[in-house]
């Protein structure tokens, strides 16, 4: 008599499941491990939808023992309809068989992995003793940037500014108790940035919101908001006097913080000091024999999604979380 085959099922994790399973320390640890190991990651594919002022992005990656695909959208008008600007779904597959191990809501995963890479960049690029953080923009991404940077540096104070004052006040209320540092809402971007050891820009701006004269010598800047052509948050003079590290040179030149300065010949790819993988693996050290400004240009890597989704999936297996569905017979 033939032996019955072991049934295979795919774990389905909705937003509520992911919220219970995900943690910033676990995501930071997963990303740090992932950046130090070999991976294959084709270029991000963009599908523009100008009719609705948005776009979709497909982000595949392979790193043992997983392969992953994130389908993510950026629709800036969504908050007017009660929906997030960024929404994503992640498929996590077994690399050895291609079996789909999990399908999960990727919106929170995206927020956490972007915060985590900002925290790691601060850990590797900020000067020792950095204790004050300035945050420009008080949305979802600002929250995970603060969570991760506080874990990485042990902050004493975070100053936050948003053009919409109620957002800054809501941010302050929401984040108290989630971080140990003091949170201070301020009246201007300049007040958030001046004197800060670490700065995070988390806006969808298409013109500089942080001026060169505000950034003190030796500060570290995480440029997070620019993730598409035409977006820009920093005065290009900041880049010219900084050691600039990118996550991926092609993505950064296409849509990251350096895309507009490159198009205007205010900056060139040759001026980029390193990519974050070189930093993670110890091949280049942005702080070696250097005490000036450092800038990390974040556009988002598929390997970050794979690592964070893997951490969520492993937590789901341990807890027996999520529902099951049969995709393969």
C-alpha atoms as a PDB file:
ATOM      1  CA  UNK A   1       0.000   0.000   0.000  1.00  0.00           C
ATOM      2  CA  UNK A   2       1.385   3.371  -1.003  1.00  0.00           C
ATOM      3  CA  UNK A   3       2.376   5.645   1.818  1.00  0.00           C
ATOM      4  CA  UNK A   4       0.138   8.676   2.142  1.00  0.00           C
ATOM      5  CA  UNK A   5       1.883  11.828   1.071  1.00  0.00           C
ATOM      6  CA  UNK A   6       2.427  14.492   3.681  1.00  0.00           C
ATOM      7  CA  UNK A   7       0.039  17.370   2.969  1.00  0.00           C
ATOM      8  CA  UNK A   8       1.572  20.736   2.110  1.00  0.00           C
ATOM      9  CA  UNK A   9      -0.134  23.988   2.936  1.00  0.00           C
ATOM     10  CA  UNK A  10       0.678  27.643   2.553  1.00  0.00           C
ATOM     11  CA  UNK A  11       0.544  29.930   5.597  1.00  0.00           C
ATOM     12  CA  UNK A  12      -1.576  33.029   5.062  1.00  0.00           C
ATOM     13  CA  UNK A  13      -0.755  35.977   7.319  1.00  0.00           C
ATOM     14  CA  UNK A  14      -2.984  39.033   7.304  1.00  0.00           C
ATOM     15  CA  UNK A  15      -2.166  42.421   8.768  1.00  0.00           C
ATOM     16  CA  UNK A  16      -3.355  41.458  12.250  1.00  0.00           C
ATOM     17  CA  UNK A  17      -1.180  38.314  12.170  1.00  0.00           C
ATOM     18  CA  UNK A  18       1.902  40.247  11.068  1.00  0.00           C
ATOM     19  CA  UNK A  19       1.357  42.850  13.789  1.00  0.00           C
ATOM     20  CA  UNK A  20       1.488  40.103  16.436  1.00  0.00           C
ATOM     21  CA  UNK A  21       4.533  38.388  14.942  1.00  0.00           C
ATOM     22  CA  UNK A  22       6.859  41.158  13.812  1.00  0.00           C
ATOM     23  CA  UNK A  23       9.388  42.860  16.085  1.00  0.00           C
ATOM     24  CA  UNK A  24      12.020  45.457  15.316  1.00  0.00           C
ATOM     25  CA  UNK A  25      14.897  43.645  17.099  1.00  0.00           C
ATOM     26  CA  UNK A  26      14.174  40.484  15.081  1.00  0.00           C
ATOM     27  CA  UNK A  27      13.956  42.395  11.788  1.00  0.00           C
ATOM     28  CA  UNK A  28      17.194  44.291  12.456  1.00  0.00           C
ATOM     29  CA  UNK A  29      18.991  41.042  13.244  1.00  0.00           C
ATOM     30  CA  UNK A  30      17.562  39.341  10.138  1.00  0.00           C
ATOM     31  CA  UNK A  31      18.621  42.215   7.871  1.00  0.00           C
ATOM     32  CA  UNK A  32      22.126  42.334   9.295  1.00  0.00           C
ATOM     33  CA  UNK A  33      22.556  38.599   8.680  1.00  0.00           C
ATOM     34  CA  UNK A  34      21.073  38.847   5.180  1.00  0.00           C
ATOM     35  CA  UNK A  35      23.375  41.658   4.045  1.00  0.00           C
ATOM     36  CA  UNK A  36      26.412  39.608   5.022  1.00  0.00           C
ATOM     37  CA  UNK A  37      25.380  36.501   3.038  1.00  0.00           C
ATOM     38  CA  UNK A  38      25.260  35.929  -0.750  1.00  0.00           C
ATOM     39  CA  UNK A  39      21.980  36.769  -2.481  1.00  0.00           C
ATOM     40  CA  UNK A  40      20.651  37.290  -5.993  1.00  0.00           C
ATOM     41  CA  UNK A  41      18.387  40.245  -6.616  1.00  0.00           C
ATOM     42  CA  UNK A  42      17.230  41.335 -10.080  1.00  0.00           C
ATOM     43  CA  UNK A  43      16.500  45.046 -10.578  1.00  0.00           C
ATOM     44  CA  UNK A  44      13.246  46.384  -9.192  1.00  0.00           C
ATOM     45  CA  UNK A  45      10.540  46.553 -11.891  1.00  0.00           C
ATOM     46  CA  UNK A  46       8.332  49.658 -12.001  1.00  0.00           C
ATOM     47  CA  UNK A  47       4.814  49.813 -13.427  1.00  0.00           C
ATOM     48  CA  UNK A  48       3.730  53.443 -13.574  1.00  0.00           C
ATOM     49  CA  UNK A  49       0.023  54.248 -13.284  1.00  0.00           C
ATOM     50  CA  UNK A  50      -0.144  57.982 -14.074  1.00  0.00           C
ATOM     51  CA  UNK A  51      -3.938  57.818 -14.393  1.00  0.00           C
ATOM     52  CA  UNK A  52      -4.068  57.434 -10.610  1.00  0.00           C
ATOM     53  CA  UNK A  53      -0.793  59.210  -9.733  1.00  0.00           C
ATOM     54  CA  UNK A  54       0.754  55.986  -8.458  1.00  0.00           C
ATOM     55  CA  UNK A  55       2.970  53.059  -9.329  1.00  0.00           C
ATOM     56  CA  UNK A  56       3.523  49.367  -8.660  1.00  0.00           C
ATOM     57  CA  UNK A  57       6.882  47.696  -8.053  1.00  0.00           C
ATOM     58  CA  UNK A  58       7.851  44.033  -8.320  1.00  0.00           C
ATOM     59  CA  UNK A  59      10.803  43.026  -6.136  1.00  0.00           C
ATOM     60  CA  UNK A  60      12.157  39.440  -6.397  1.00  0.00           C
ATOM     61  CA  UNK A  61      15.082  37.962  -4.464  1.00  0.00           C
ATOM     62  CA  UNK A  62      16.831  34.654  -3.771  1.00  0.00           C
ATOM     63  CA  UNK A  63      18.783  33.878  -0.627  1.00  0.00           C
ATOM     64  CA  UNK A  64      18.916  30.409   0.895  1.00  0.00           C
ATOM     65  CA  UNK A  65      16.643  28.996   2.152  1.00  0.00           C
ATOM     66  CA  UNK A  66      14.057  31.295   0.586  1.00  0.00           C
ATOM     67  CA  UNK A  67      13.000  33.032  -2.597  1.00  0.00           C
ATOM     68  CA  UNK A  68      10.586  35.932  -2.345  1.00  0.00           C
ATOM     69  CA  UNK A  69       8.526  38.361  -4.371  1.00  0.00           C
ATOM     70  CA  UNK A  70       7.038  41.587  -3.099  1.00  0.00           C
ATOM     71  CA  UNK A  71       4.309  43.347  -5.062  1.00  0.00           C
ATOM     72  CA  UNK A  72       4.143  46.869  -3.647  1.00  0.00           C
ATOM     73  CA  UNK A  73       2.299  50.022  -4.648  1.00  0.00           C
ATOM     74  CA  UNK A  74       2.853  53.685  -3.856  1.00  0.00           C
ATOM     75  CA  UNK A  75      -0.315  55.760  -4.271  1.00  0.00           C
ATOM     76  CA  UNK A  76       0.150  59.194  -2.624  1.00  0.00           C
ATOM     77  CA  UNK A  77      -3.570  60.041  -2.871  1.00  0.00           C
ATOM     78  CA  UNK A  78      -4.644  56.979  -0.898  1.00  0.00           C
ATOM     79  CA  UNK A  79      -4.820  58.665   2.535  1.00  0.00           C
ATOM     80  CA  UNK A  80      -7.671  60.801   1.160  1.00  0.00           C
ATOM     81  CA  UNK A  81      -9.568  57.528   0.659  1.00  0.00           C
ATOM     82  CA  UNK A  82      -8.677  56.085   4.038  1.00  0.00           C
ATOM     83  CA  UNK A  83      -5.992  53.775   2.617  1.00  0.00           C
ATOM     84  CA  UNK A  84      -2.217  53.648   3.225  1.00  0.00           C
ATOM     85  CA  UNK A  85       0.080  55.326   0.715  1.00  0.00           C
ATOM     86  CA  UNK A  86       2.141  52.123   0.545  1.00  0.00           C
ATOM     87  CA  UNK A  87       0.518  48.686   0.325  1.00  0.00           C
ATOM     88  CA  UNK A  88       2.293  45.409  -0.303  1.00  0.00           C
ATOM     89  CA  UNK A  89       1.918  41.639  -0.503  1.00  0.00           C
ATOM     90  CA  UNK A  90       4.839  39.227  -0.111  1.00  0.00           C
ATOM     91  CA  UNK A  91       5.115  35.638  -1.337  1.00  0.00           C
ATOM     92  CA  UNK A  92       7.806  33.641   0.465  1.00  0.00           C
ATOM     93  CA  UNK A  93       8.827  30.393  -1.255  1.00  0.00           C
ATOM     94  CA  UNK A  94      11.053  27.460  -0.366  1.00  0.00           C
ATOM     95  CA  UNK A  95      14.153  27.944  -2.538  1.00  0.00           C
ATOM     96  CA  UNK A  96      14.789  24.186  -2.827  1.00  0.00           C
ATOM     97  CA  UNK A  97      11.338  23.231  -4.173  1.00  0.00           C
ATOM     98  CA  UNK A  98       9.687  26.565  -5.093  1.00  0.00           C
ATOM     99  CA  UNK A  99       6.748  25.686  -2.802  1.00  0.00           C
ATOM    100  CA  UNK A 100       4.955  28.843  -1.592  1.00  0.00           C
ATOM    101  CA  UNK A 101       5.519  28.719   2.152  1.00  0.00           C
ATOM    102  CA  UNK A 102       3.672  31.918   2.988  1.00  0.00           C
ATOM    103  CA  UNK A 103       1.609  34.732   1.561  1.00  0.00           C
ATOM    104  CA  UNK A 104       1.592  37.719   3.882  1.00  0.00           C
ATOM    105  CA  UNK A 105       0.548  41.302   4.134  1.00  0.00           C
ATOM    106  CA  UNK A 106       3.709  43.200   3.265  1.00  0.00           C
ATOM    107  CA  UNK A 107       2.734  46.728   4.239  1.00  0.00           C
ATOM    108  CA  UNK A 108       3.943  46.494   7.834  1.00  0.00           C
ATOM    109  CA  UNK A 109       6.890  44.332   6.762  1.00  0.00           C
ATOM    110  CA  UNK A 110       7.924  47.126   4.368  1.00  0.00           C
ATOM    111  CA  UNK A 111       7.694  49.734   7.106  1.00  0.00           C
ATOM    112  CA  UNK A 112       9.737  47.641   9.536  1.00  0.00           C
ATOM    113  CA  UNK A 113      12.463  46.606   7.116  1.00  0.00           C
ATOM    114  CA  UNK A 114      12.900  50.222   5.968  1.00  0.00           C
ATOM    115  CA  UNK A 115      13.147  51.345   9.573  1.00  0.00           C
ATOM    116  CA  UNK A 116      15.577  48.525  10.301  1.00  0.00           C
ATOM    117  CA  UNK A 117      17.965  49.445   7.477  1.00  0.00           C
ATOM    118  CA  UNK A 118      17.908  53.026   8.739  1.00  0.00           C
ATOM    119  CA  UNK A 119      18.818  51.783  12.205  1.00  0.00           C
ATOM    120  CA  UNK A 120      21.667  49.683  10.818  1.00  0.00           C
ATOM    121  CA  UNK A 121      22.919  52.618   8.728  1.00  0.00           C
ATOM    122  CA  UNK A 122      22.966  54.762  11.875  1.00  0.00           C
ATOM    123  CA  UNK A 123      24.798  51.995  13.746  1.00  0.00           C
ATOM    124  CA  UNK A 124      27.493  51.773  11.056  1.00  0.00           C
ATOM    125  CA  UNK A 125      27.673  55.413   9.923  1.00  0.00           C
ATOM    126  CA  UNK A 126      26.816  57.719  12.829  1.00  0.00           C
ATOM    127  CA  UNK A 127      29.586  58.931  15.129  1.00  0.00           C
ATOM    128  CA  UNK A 128      29.973  57.212  18.468  1.00  0.00           C
ATOM    129  CA  UNK A 129      27.969  58.916  21.177  1.00  0.00           C
ATOM    130  CA  UNK A 130      25.190  60.113  18.832  1.00  0.00           C
ATOM    131  CA  UNK A 131      22.183  60.678  21.091  1.00  0.00           C
ATOM    132  CA  UNK A 132      19.919  63.281  19.448  1.00  0.00           C
ATOM    133  CA  UNK A 133      17.759  62.485  16.421  1.00  0.00           C
ATOM    134  CA  UNK A 134      15.889  64.909  14.197  1.00  0.00           C
ATOM    135  CA  UNK A 135      12.954  63.544  12.185  1.00  0.00           C
ATOM    136  CA  UNK A 136      11.323  65.421   9.311  1.00  0.00           C
ATOM    137  CA  UNK A 137       7.938  63.912   8.497  1.00  0.00           C
ATOM    138  CA  UNK A 138       5.768  62.180  11.089  1.00  0.00           C
ATOM    139  CA  UNK A 139       4.103  59.379   9.140  1.00  0.00           C
ATOM    140  CA  UNK A 140       4.382  55.597   9.368  1.00  0.00           C
ATOM    141  CA  UNK A 141       8.009  55.498   8.250  1.00  0.00           C
ATOM    142  CA  UNK A 142       9.065  58.051  10.852  1.00  0.00           C
ATOM    143  CA  UNK A 143       7.831  55.677  13.552  1.00  0.00           C
ATOM    144  CA  UNK A 144       9.911  52.706  12.429  1.00  0.00           C
ATOM    145  CA  UNK A 145      12.952  54.910  11.830  1.00  0.00           C
ATOM    146  CA  UNK A 146      12.760  56.059  15.438  1.00  0.00           C
ATOM    147  CA  UNK A 147      12.160  52.531  16.755  1.00  0.00           C
ATOM    148  CA  UNK A 148      15.213  51.159  14.940  1.00  0.00           C
ATOM    149  CA  UNK A 149      17.553  54.092  15.542  1.00  0.00           C
ATOM    150  CA  UNK A 150      16.721  54.141  19.239  1.00  0.00           C
ATOM    151  CA  UNK A 151      17.604  50.432  19.426  1.00  0.00           C
ATOM    152  CA  UNK A 152      20.824  50.996  17.479  1.00  0.00           C
ATOM    153  CA  UNK A 153      22.115  54.064  19.317  1.00  0.00           C
ATOM    154  CA  UNK A 154      20.294  54.360  22.633  1.00  0.00           C
ATOM    155  CA  UNK A 155      18.929  57.833  21.903  1.00  0.00           C
ATOM    156  CA  UNK A 156      18.272  60.446  24.546  1.00  0.00           C
ATOM    157  CA  UNK A 157      16.063  62.766  22.493  1.00  0.00           C
ATOM    158  CA  UNK A 158      14.086  62.737  19.234  1.00  0.00           C
ATOM    159  CA  UNK A 159      12.810  65.977  17.704  1.00  0.00           C
ATOM    160  CA  UNK A 160       9.990  65.569  15.192  1.00  0.00           C
ATOM    161  CA  UNK A 161       8.462  67.989  12.694  1.00  0.00           C
ATOM    162  CA  UNK A 162       5.650  67.619  10.187  1.00  0.00           C
ATOM    163  CA  UNK A 163       3.973  70.232   8.029  1.00  0.00           C
ATOM    164  CA  UNK A 164       0.712  68.946   9.501  1.00  0.00           C
ATOM    165  CA  UNK A 165       1.053  69.698  13.205  1.00  0.00           C
ATOM    166  CA  UNK A 166      -1.607  67.152  14.285  1.00  0.00           C
ATOM    167  CA  UNK A 167       0.554  64.397  12.755  1.00  0.00           C
ATOM    168  CA  UNK A 168       3.559  65.457  14.852  1.00  0.00           C
ATOM    169  CA  UNK A 169       1.426  65.515  17.991  1.00  0.00           C
ATOM    170  CA  UNK A 170      -0.074  62.104  17.181  1.00  0.00           C
ATOM    171  CA  UNK A 171       3.420  60.756  16.541  1.00  0.00           C
ATOM    172  CA  UNK A 172       4.597  61.992  19.945  1.00  0.00           C
ATOM    173  CA  UNK A 173       1.632  60.430  21.731  1.00  0.00           C
ATOM    174  CA  UNK A 174       1.905  57.138  19.835  1.00  0.00           C
ATOM    175  CA  UNK A 175       5.656  56.667  20.286  1.00  0.00           C
ATOM    176  CA  UNK A 176       5.851  57.461  23.992  1.00  0.00           C
ATOM    177  CA  UNK A 177       6.341  54.177  25.760  1.00  0.00           C
ATOM    178  CA  UNK A 178       7.619  52.479  22.607  1.00  0.00           C
ATOM    179  CA  UNK A 179      11.051  54.101  22.872  1.00  0.00           C
ATOM    180  CA  UNK A 180      13.082  55.150  25.897  1.00  0.00           C
ATOM    181  CA  UNK A 181      14.173  58.531  24.564  1.00  0.00           C
ATOM    182  CA  UNK A 182      12.407  61.843  25.093  1.00  0.00           C
ATOM    183  CA  UNK A 183      10.223  62.898  22.111  1.00  0.00           C
ATOM    184  CA  UNK A 184       9.867  66.611  21.373  1.00  0.00           C
ATOM    185  CA  UNK A 185       7.524  67.951  18.665  1.00  0.00           C
ATOM    186  CA  UNK A 186       9.065  71.093  17.123  1.00  0.00           C
ATOM    187  CA  UNK A 187       7.777  73.958  15.004  1.00  0.00           C
ATOM    188  CA  UNK A 188      10.042  73.666  11.953  1.00  0.00           C
ATOM    189  CA  UNK A 189      12.252  71.286  10.008  1.00  0.00           C
ATOM    190  CA  UNK A 190      15.195  73.509  10.873  1.00  0.00           C
ATOM    191  CA  UNK A 191      14.513  73.111  14.595  1.00  0.00           C
ATOM    192  CA  UNK A 192      14.386  69.325  14.166  1.00  0.00           C
ATOM    193  CA  UNK A 193      17.670  69.193  12.247  1.00  0.00           C
ATOM    194  CA  UNK A 194      19.926  71.807  13.851  1.00  0.00           C
ATOM    195  CA  UNK A 195      22.196  70.218  16.451  1.00  0.00           C
ATOM    196  CA  UNK A 196      20.929  66.686  15.793  1.00  0.00           C
ATOM    197  CA  UNK A 197      23.482  63.873  15.611  1.00  0.00           C
ATOM    198  CA  UNK A 198      21.250  61.775  13.346  1.00  0.00           C
ATOM    199  CA  UNK A 199      18.610  63.048  10.919  1.00  0.00           C
ATOM    200  CA  UNK A 200      15.910  61.013   9.161  1.00  0.00           C
ATOM    201  CA  UNK A 201      13.891  62.526   6.322  1.00  0.00           C
ATOM    202  CA  UNK A 202      10.608  60.684   5.774  1.00  0.00           C
ATOM    203  CA  UNK A 203       8.615  62.798   3.321  1.00  0.00           C
ATOM    204  CA  UNK A 204       7.398  62.489  -0.291  1.00  0.00           C
ATOM    205  CA  UNK A 205       8.897  65.886  -1.151  1.00  0.00           C
ATOM    206  CA  UNK A 206      10.042  66.912  -4.616  1.00  0.00           C
ATOM    207  CA  UNK A 207      12.148  69.800  -3.347  1.00  0.00           C
ATOM    208  CA  UNK A 208      14.677  70.032  -0.499  1.00  0.00           C
ATOM    209  CA  UNK A 209      13.210  70.125   2.983  1.00  0.00           C
ATOM    210  CA  UNK A 210      16.595  70.021   4.803  1.00  0.00           C
ATOM    211  CA  UNK A 211      19.144  72.765   4.097  1.00  0.00           C
ATOM    212  CA  UNK A 212      22.899  72.338   4.187  1.00  0.00           C
ATOM    213  CA  UNK A 213      23.461  75.027   6.816  1.00  0.00           C
ATOM    214  CA  UNK A 214      21.221  73.160   9.283  1.00  0.00           C
ATOM    215  CA  UNK A 215      23.238  69.928   9.250  1.00  0.00           C
ATOM    216  CA  UNK A 216      26.093  70.045  11.725  1.00  0.00           C
ATOM    217  CA  UNK A 217      29.500  68.688  10.794  1.00  0.00           C
ATOM    218  CA  UNK A 218      29.733  65.044  11.785  1.00  0.00           C
ATOM    219  CA  UNK A 219      25.994  64.359  11.611  1.00  0.00           C
ATOM    220  CA  UNK A 220      24.543  61.299   9.913  1.00  0.00           C
ATOM    221  CA  UNK A 221      21.514  61.614   7.604  1.00  0.00           C
ATOM    222  CA  UNK A 222      19.159  58.815   6.577  1.00  0.00           C
ATOM    223  CA  UNK A 223      17.429  59.982   3.378  1.00  0.00           C
ATOM    224  CA  UNK A 224      14.370  57.735   3.336  1.00  0.00           C
ATOM    225  CA  UNK A 225      11.572  59.504   1.463  1.00  0.00           C
ATOM    226  CA  UNK A 226      12.963  59.752  -2.072  1.00  0.00           C
ATOM    227  CA  UNK A 227      12.030  56.484  -3.775  1.00  0.00           C
ATOM    228  CA  UNK A 228      11.014  57.563  -7.278  1.00  0.00           C
ATOM    229  CA  UNK A 229      12.310  59.873 -10.030  1.00  0.00           C
ATOM    230  CA  UNK A 230      11.918  63.551  -9.180  1.00  0.00           C
ATOM    231  CA  UNK A 231      11.752  63.078  -5.418  1.00  0.00           C
ATOM    232  CA  UNK A 232      14.277  65.019  -3.339  1.00  0.00           C
ATOM    233  CA  UNK A 233      14.554  65.904   0.360  1.00  0.00           C
ATOM    234  CA  UNK A 234      18.101  67.201   0.832  1.00  0.00           C
ATOM    235  CA  UNK A 235      19.891  70.329  -0.273  1.00  0.00           C
ATOM    236  CA  UNK A 236      22.436  68.938  -2.800  1.00  0.00           C
ATOM    237  CA  UNK A 237      25.190  70.817  -0.958  1.00  0.00           C
ATOM    238  CA  UNK A 238      24.801  68.249   1.838  1.00  0.00           C
ATOM    239  CA  UNK A 239      25.702  65.447  -0.565  1.00  0.00           C
ATOM    240  CA  UNK A 240      28.701  67.358  -1.880  1.00  0.00           C
ATOM    241  CA  UNK A 241      30.324  67.551   1.563  1.00  0.00           C
ATOM    242  CA  UNK A 242      29.318  64.075   2.740  1.00  0.00           C
ATOM    243  CA  UNK A 243      30.388  60.479   2.437  1.00  0.00           C
ATOM    244  CA  UNK A 244      27.363  59.030   0.652  1.00  0.00           C
ATOM    245  CA  UNK A 245      26.371  55.372   0.977  1.00  0.00           C
ATOM    246  CA  UNK A 246      23.540  53.933  -1.139  1.00  0.00           C
ATOM    247  CA  UNK A 247      21.616  50.686  -0.816  1.00  0.00           C
ATOM    248  CA  UNK A 248      21.796  50.070  -4.583  1.00  0.00           C
ATOM    249  CA  UNK A 249      23.575  52.444  -6.966  1.00  0.00           C
ATOM    250  CA  UNK A 250      21.209  51.882  -9.911  1.00  0.00           C
ATOM    251  CA  UNK A 251      18.058  52.348  -7.842  1.00  0.00           C
ATOM    252  CA  UNK A 252      19.529  55.350  -6.055  1.00  0.00           C
ATOM    253  CA  UNK A 253      20.519  57.043  -9.316  1.00  0.00           C
ATOM    254  CA  UNK A 254      17.074  56.301 -10.782  1.00  0.00           C
ATOM    255  CA  UNK A 255      14.839  57.314  -7.912  1.00  0.00           C
ATOM    256  CA  UNK A 256      16.758  57.783  -4.665  1.00  0.00           C
ATOM    257  CA  UNK A 257      17.950  60.979  -3.014  1.00  0.00           C
ATOM    258  CA  UNK A 258      20.768  61.396  -5.543  1.00  0.00           C
ATOM    259  CA  UNK A 259      18.529  61.156  -8.639  1.00  0.00           C
ATOM    260  CA  UNK A 260      17.689  64.846  -8.970  1.00  0.00           C
ATOM    261  CA  UNK A 261      21.211  66.135  -8.198  1.00  0.00           C
ATOM    262  CA  UNK A 262      22.605  63.692 -10.782  1.00  0.00           C
ATOM    263  CA  UNK A 263      20.132  64.885 -13.420  1.00  0.00           C
ATOM    264  CA  UNK A 264      21.170  68.493 -12.706  1.00  0.00           C
ATOM    265  CA  UNK A 265      24.892  67.600 -12.654  1.00  0.00           C
ATOM    266  CA  UNK A 266      25.154  68.660  -8.999  1.00  0.00           C
ATOM    267  CA  UNK A 267      26.355  65.179  -8.009  1.00  0.00           C
ATOM    268  CA  UNK A 268      27.688  62.110  -9.799  1.00  0.00           C
ATOM    269  CA  UNK A 269      27.698  58.369  -9.206  1.00  0.00           C
ATOM    270  CA  UNK A 270      31.483  58.569  -8.900  1.00  0.00           C
ATOM    271  CA  UNK A 271      31.037  60.527  -5.668  1.00  0.00           C
ATOM    272  CA  UNK A 272      29.235  57.632  -3.953  1.00  0.00           C
ATOM    273  CA  UNK A 273      31.507  56.210  -1.263  1.00  0.00           C
ATOM    274  CA  UNK A 274      30.031  52.697  -0.992  1.00  0.00           C
ATOM    275  CA  UNK A 275      26.886  50.619  -1.010  1.00  0.00           C
ATOM    276  CA  UNK A 276      25.387  49.274   2.201  1.00  0.00           C
ATOM    277  CA  UNK A 277      26.446  45.675   1.454  1.00  0.00           C
ATOM    278  CA  UNK A 278      30.095  46.770   1.300  1.00  0.00           C
ATOM    279  CA  UNK A 279      29.626  48.504   4.644  1.00  0.00           C
ATOM    280  CA  UNK A 280      27.813  45.535   6.219  1.00  0.00           C
ATOM    281  CA  UNK A 281      30.585  43.155   5.139  1.00  0.00           C
ATOM    282  CA  UNK A 282      33.336  45.428   6.417  1.00  0.00           C
ATOM    283  CA  UNK A 283      34.825  46.162   3.001  1.00  0.00           C
ATOM    284  CA  UNK A 284      34.382  49.907   3.444  1.00  0.00           C
ATOM    285  CA  UNK A 285      34.011  51.956   6.615  1.00  0.00           C
ATOM    286  CA  UNK A 286      32.366  55.378   6.180  1.00  0.00           C
ATOM    287  CA  UNK A 287      33.749  56.523   9.550  1.00  0.00           C
ATOM    288  CA  UNK A 288      37.347  55.390   9.099  1.00  0.00           C
ATOM    289  CA  UNK A 289      39.603  58.451   9.419  1.00  0.00           C
ATOM    290  CA  UNK A 290      36.553  60.639   8.835  1.00  0.00           C
ATOM    291  CA  UNK A 291      34.551  62.916  11.131  1.00  0.00           C
ATOM    292  CA  UNK A 292      32.344  64.739   8.621  1.00  0.00           C
ATOM    293  CA  UNK A 293      28.760  64.268   7.442  1.00  0.00           C
ATOM    294  CA  UNK A 294      27.552  60.865   6.274  1.00  0.00           C
ATOM    295  CA  UNK A 295      24.401  60.211   4.239  1.00  0.00           C
ATOM    296  CA  UNK A 296      22.595  56.938   3.625  1.00  0.00           C
ATOM    297  CA  UNK A 297      20.356  56.874   0.541  1.00  0.00           C
ATOM    298  CA  UNK A 298      17.595  54.294   1.013  1.00  0.00           C
ATOM    299  CA  UNK A 299      15.451  53.078  -1.889  1.00  0.00           C
ATOM    300  CA  UNK A 300      14.563  49.629  -0.543  1.00  0.00           C
ATOM    301  CA  UNK A 301      16.093  46.271  -1.428  1.00  0.00           C
ATOM    302  CA  UNK A 302      14.251  43.018  -2.103  1.00  0.00           C
ATOM    303  CA  UNK A 303      16.737  41.186   0.137  1.00  0.00           C
ATOM    304  CA  UNK A 304      15.474  43.303   3.023  1.00  0.00           C
ATOM    305  CA  UNK A 305      11.923  42.122   2.298  1.00  0.00           C
ATOM    306  CA  UNK A 306      13.059  38.495   2.093  1.00  0.00           C
ATOM    307  CA  UNK A 307      14.887  38.750   5.420  1.00  0.00           C
ATOM    308  CA  UNK A 308      12.028  40.464   7.234  1.00  0.00           C
ATOM    309  CA  UNK A 309       9.386  38.135   5.753  1.00  0.00           C
ATOM    310  CA  UNK A 310      11.539  35.165   6.728  1.00  0.00           C
ATOM    311  CA  UNK A 311      11.646  36.407  10.323  1.00  0.00           C
ATOM    312  CA  UNK A 312       7.856  36.772  10.368  1.00  0.00           C
ATOM    313  CA  UNK A 313       7.373  33.311   8.841  1.00  0.00           C
ATOM    314  CA  UNK A 314       9.707  31.698  11.375  1.00  0.00           C
ATOM    315  CA  UNK A 315       7.774  33.365  14.203  1.00  0.00           C
ATOM    316  CA  UNK A 316       4.495  32.121  12.680  1.00  0.00           C
ATOM    317  CA  UNK A 317       5.796  28.544  12.564  1.00  0.00           C
ATOM    318  CA  UNK A 318       6.805  28.658  16.223  1.00  0.00           C
ATOM    319  CA  UNK A 319       3.434  30.029  17.312  1.00  0.00           C
ATOM    320  CA  UNK A 320       1.231  28.160  14.844  1.00  0.00           C
ATOM    321  CA  UNK A 321      -0.113  31.513  13.665  1.00  0.00           C
ATOM    322  CA  UNK A 322      -2.043  32.325  10.500  1.00  0.00           C
ATOM    323  CA  UNK A 323      -4.505  30.330   8.427  1.00  0.00           C
ATOM    324  CA  UNK A 324      -3.612  27.558   5.985  1.00  0.00           C
ATOM    325  CA  UNK A 325      -4.589  27.071   2.382  1.00  0.00           C
ATOM    326  CA  UNK A 326      -3.726  24.368  -0.145  1.00  0.00           C
ATOM    327  CA  UNK A 327      -2.169  25.869  -3.267  1.00  0.00           C
ATOM    328  CA  UNK A 328      -0.395  22.743  -4.522  1.00  0.00           C
ATOM    329  CA  UNK A 329      -1.809  19.169  -4.676  1.00  0.00           C
END
